[in-house]
Amino acid sequence: WKILPVLEIIKYAYILWQNYIPTIPKTSRYTLAETIDKYFIQTIESILVASFLEKQEKQPFVRKAIISLDTLKFLLYILWEIKALDTKKYTILSEPLAGAGKQLGGWHGQLTKQNSPDKKSGEK
């Protein structure tokens, strides 16, 4: 079973995140951190679903993965801003998430081109 590169990146970031959760203060761990965890899982799920679908069915799930990832990154930023996550951990975690975002954006763009009306009518 071959894992998509974007899924490898998200998996790596999620493992990092799991190691960081115990360091988050309890006041944020069971609220904001728990919500971030749910968005990680939602992003992974959307990517997995998209990877198994036919080309014309993938786009909504890739879009959902992008939205989930962007929400996750924003909540992570808030966690850092309230000093519940230190700068070093925030930076280390942000890098793979940014890379995953670029890959998802590229995938979405590719699907948009493939599913465009021009492409469907046989024009190149």
C-alpha atoms as a PDB file:
ATOM      1  CA  TRP A   1       0.000   0.000   0.000  1.00  0.00           C
ATOM      2  CA  LYS A   2       1.556   3.249  -1.148  1.00  0.00           C
ATOM      3  CA  ILE A   3       0.924   6.362   0.919  1.00  0.00           C
ATOM      4  CA  LEU A   4       0.591   9.688  -0.911  1.00  0.00           C
ATOM      5  CA  PRO A   5       3.457  12.122  -0.199  1.00  0.00           C
ATOM      6  CA  VAL A   6       1.027  14.682   1.261  1.00  0.00           C
ATOM      7  CA  LEU A   7      -0.325  12.019   3.604  1.00  0.00           C
ATOM      8  CA  GLU A   8       3.221  11.139   4.711  1.00  0.00           C
ATOM      9  CA  ILE A   9       3.787  14.798   5.582  1.00  0.00           C
ATOM     10  CA  ILE A  10       0.541  15.071   7.538  1.00  0.00           C
ATOM     11  CA  LYS A  11       1.306  11.793   9.342  1.00  0.00           C
ATOM     12  CA  TYR A  12       4.746  13.099  10.315  1.00  0.00           C
ATOM     13  CA  ALA A  13       3.213  16.363  11.595  1.00  0.00           C
ATOM     14  CA  TYR A  14       0.536  14.463  13.504  1.00  0.00           C
ATOM     15  CA  ILE A  15       3.129  12.310  15.259  1.00  0.00           C
ATOM     16  CA  LEU A  16       4.999  15.490  16.250  1.00  0.00           C
ATOM     17  CA  TRP A  17       1.723  16.971  17.477  1.00  0.00           C
ATOM     18  CA  GLN A  18       1.010  13.895  19.590  1.00  0.00           C
ATOM     19  CA  ASN A  19       4.387  14.353  21.282  1.00  0.00           C
ATOM     20  CA  TYR A  20       3.623  18.016  21.992  1.00  0.00           C
ATOM     21  CA  ILE A  21       0.148  17.549  23.508  1.00  0.00           C
ATOM     22  CA  PRO A  22       1.420  16.590  27.005  1.00  0.00           C
ATOM     23  CA  THR A  23       3.407  19.855  27.151  1.00  0.00           C
ATOM     24  CA  ILE A  24       0.344  22.015  26.526  1.00  0.00           C
ATOM     25  CA  PRO A  25      -1.165  23.534  29.685  1.00  0.00           C
ATOM     26  CA  LYS A  26      -4.334  21.790  30.840  1.00  0.00           C
ATOM     27  CA  THR A  27      -6.341  24.987  30.347  1.00  0.00           C
ATOM     28  CA  SER A  28      -5.778  24.648  26.580  1.00  0.00           C
ATOM     29  CA  ARG A  29      -5.171  20.907  26.253  1.00  0.00           C
ATOM     30  CA  TYR A  30      -8.810  19.871  26.565  1.00  0.00           C
ATOM     31  CA  THR A  31     -10.213  22.698  24.477  1.00  0.00           C
ATOM     32  CA  LEU A  32      -8.031  24.169  21.749  1.00  0.00           C
ATOM     33  CA  ALA A  33      -5.540  21.279  21.539  1.00  0.00           C
ATOM     34  CA  GLU A  34      -8.356  18.742  21.368  1.00  0.00           C
ATOM     35  CA  THR A  35      -9.968  20.712  18.548  1.00  0.00           C
ATOM     36  CA  ILE A  36      -6.649  20.887  16.680  1.00  0.00           C
ATOM     37  CA  ASP A  37      -6.369  17.117  17.041  1.00  0.00           C
ATOM     38  CA  LYS A  38      -9.823  16.699  15.471  1.00  0.00           C
ATOM     39  CA  TYR A  39      -8.801  18.872  12.515  1.00  0.00           C
ATOM     40  CA  PHE A  40      -5.662  16.778  12.024  1.00  0.00           C
ATOM     41  CA  ILE A  41      -7.814  13.647  11.852  1.00  0.00           C
ATOM     42  CA  GLN A  42     -10.347  15.331   9.578  1.00  0.00           C
ATOM     43  CA  THR A  43      -7.550  16.397   7.202  1.00  0.00           C
ATOM     44  CA  ILE A  44      -6.112  12.872   7.145  1.00  0.00           C
ATOM     45  CA  GLU A  45      -9.558  11.388   6.524  1.00  0.00           C
ATOM     46  CA  SER A  46     -10.310  13.758   3.633  1.00  0.00           C
ATOM     47  CA  ILE A  47      -6.973  13.005   1.957  1.00  0.00           C
ATOM     48  CA  LEU A  48      -7.502   9.253   2.374  1.00  0.00           C
ATOM     49  CA  VAL A  49     -11.009   9.392   0.923  1.00  0.00           C
ATOM     50  CA  ALA A  50      -9.816  11.494  -2.033  1.00  0.00           C
ATOM     51  CA  SER A  51      -6.988   9.063  -2.715  1.00  0.00           C
ATOM     52  CA  PHE A  52      -9.450   6.187  -3.257  1.00  0.00           C
ATOM     53  CA  LEU A  53     -11.961   8.015  -5.456  1.00  0.00           C
ATOM     54  CA  GLU A  54     -12.150   8.434  -9.215  1.00  0.00           C
ATOM     55  CA  LYS A  55     -10.553  11.633 -10.550  1.00  0.00           C
ATOM     56  CA  GLN A  56     -13.865  13.423 -11.099  1.00  0.00           C
ATOM     57  CA  GLU A  57     -14.953  12.703  -7.490  1.00  0.00           C
ATOM     58  CA  LYS A  58     -11.774  13.794  -5.682  1.00  0.00           C
ATOM     59  CA  GLN A  59     -12.080  17.590  -5.781  1.00  0.00           C
ATOM     60  CA  PRO A  60     -14.618  18.132  -2.956  1.00  0.00           C
ATOM     61  CA  PHE A  61     -12.537  15.998  -0.590  1.00  0.00           C
ATOM     62  CA  VAL A  62      -9.289  17.746  -1.510  1.00  0.00           C
ATOM     63  CA  ARG A  63     -11.054  21.075  -0.920  1.00  0.00           C
ATOM     64  CA  LYS A  64     -12.288  19.802   2.462  1.00  0.00           C
ATOM     65  CA  ALA A  65      -8.729  18.720   3.353  1.00  0.00           C
ATOM     66  CA  ILE A  66      -7.462  22.212   2.485  1.00  0.00           C
ATOM     67  CA  ILE A  67     -10.125  23.867   4.631  1.00  0.00           C
ATOM     68  CA  SER A  68      -9.425  21.512   7.548  1.00  0.00           C
ATOM     69  CA  LEU A  69      -5.681  22.065   7.253  1.00  0.00           C
ATOM     70  CA  ASP A  70      -6.057  25.847   7.096  1.00  0.00           C
ATOM     71  CA  THR A  71      -8.311  25.785  10.163  1.00  0.00           C
ATOM     72  CA  LEU A  72      -5.821  23.558  11.966  1.00  0.00           C
ATOM     73  CA  LYS A  73      -2.951  25.947  11.136  1.00  0.00           C
ATOM     74  CA  PHE A  74      -4.947  28.950  12.359  1.00  0.00           C
ATOM     75  CA  LEU A  75      -5.872  27.250  15.641  1.00  0.00           C
ATOM     76  CA  LEU A  76      -2.240  26.239  16.082  1.00  0.00           C
ATOM     77  CA  TYR A  77      -1.298  29.895  15.592  1.00  0.00           C
ATOM     78  CA  ILE A  78      -3.744  30.887  18.336  1.00  0.00           C
ATOM     79  CA  LEU A  79      -2.280  28.207  20.603  1.00  0.00           C
ATOM     80  CA  TRP A  80       1.164  29.717  20.012  1.00  0.00           C
ATOM     81  CA  GLU A  81      -0.112  33.288  20.497  1.00  0.00           C
ATOM     82  CA  ILE A  82      -1.555  32.455  23.921  1.00  0.00           C
ATOM     83  CA  LYS A  83       1.815  30.889  24.765  1.00  0.00           C
ATOM     84  CA  ALA A  84       0.366  27.412  25.231  1.00  0.00           C
ATOM     85  CA  LEU A  85       2.842  26.144  22.605  1.00  0.00           C
ATOM     86  CA  ASP A  86       6.408  27.400  22.557  1.00  0.00           C
ATOM     87  CA  THR A  87       7.948  29.031  19.489  1.00  0.00           C
ATOM     88  CA  LYS A  88      10.340  26.182  18.699  1.00  0.00           C
ATOM     89  CA  LYS A  89       7.561  23.571  18.670  1.00  0.00           C
ATOM     90  CA  TYR A  90       5.265  25.876  16.713  1.00  0.00           C
ATOM     91  CA  THR A  91       7.963  26.433  14.077  1.00  0.00           C
ATOM     92  CA  ILE A  92       8.855  22.746  13.804  1.00  0.00           C
ATOM     93  CA  LEU A  93       5.186  21.815  13.397  1.00  0.00           C
ATOM     94  CA  SER A  94       4.356  24.658  11.005  1.00  0.00           C
ATOM     95  CA  GLU A  95       6.957  23.661   8.403  1.00  0.00           C
ATOM     96  CA  PRO A  96       5.478  20.304   7.359  1.00  0.00           C
ATOM     97  CA  LEU A  97       1.960  21.753   7.551  1.00  0.00           C
ATOM     98  CA  ALA A  98       2.952  24.515   5.131  1.00  0.00           C
ATOM     99  CA  GLY A  99       4.432  21.906   2.782  1.00  0.00           C
ATOM    100  CA  ALA A 100       1.265  19.819   2.979  1.00  0.00           C
ATOM    101  CA  GLY A 101      -0.781  22.925   2.198  1.00  0.00           C
ATOM    102  CA  LYS A 102       1.265  23.562  -0.950  1.00  0.00           C
ATOM    103  CA  GLN A 103       0.846  19.962  -2.063  1.00  0.00           C
ATOM    104  CA  LEU A 104      -2.901  20.034  -1.451  1.00  0.00           C
ATOM    105  CA  GLY A 105      -3.156  23.327  -3.339  1.00  0.00           C
ATOM    106  CA  GLY A 106      -1.270  21.803  -6.277  1.00  0.00           C
ATOM    107  CA  TRP A 107      -3.479  18.720  -6.224  1.00  0.00           C
ATOM    108  CA  HIS A 108      -6.593  20.899  -6.151  1.00  0.00           C
ATOM    109  CA  GLY A 109      -5.299  22.973  -9.070  1.00  0.00           C
ATOM    110  CA  GLN A 110      -4.546  19.842 -11.083  1.00  0.00           C
ATOM    111  CA  LEU A 111      -8.027  18.462 -10.413  1.00  0.00           C
ATOM    112  CA  THR A 112      -9.597  21.795 -11.367  1.00  0.00           C
ATOM    113  CA  LYS A 113      -7.807  21.678 -14.739  1.00  0.00           C
ATOM    114  CA  GLN A 114      -8.750  18.030 -15.304  1.00  0.00           C
ATOM    115  CA  ASN A 115     -12.382  18.677 -14.438  1.00  0.00           C
ATOM    116  CA  SER A 116     -12.726  21.925 -16.397  1.00  0.00           C
ATOM    117  CA  PRO A 117     -15.440  22.098 -19.096  1.00  0.00           C
ATOM    118  CA  ASP A 118     -12.755  22.429 -21.823  1.00  0.00           C
ATOM    119  CA  LYS A 119     -11.142  19.169 -20.743  1.00  0.00           C
ATOM    120  CA  LYS A 120     -14.460  17.316 -20.546  1.00  0.00           C
ATOM    121  CA  SER A 121     -15.470  18.277 -24.089  1.00  0.00           C
ATOM    122  CA  GLY A 122     -12.264  16.790 -25.473  1.00  0.00           C
ATOM    123  CA  GLU A 123     -10.361  20.037 -26.064  1.00  0.00           C
ATOM    124  CA  LYS A 124      -6.701  20.253 -25.075  1.00  0.00           C
END
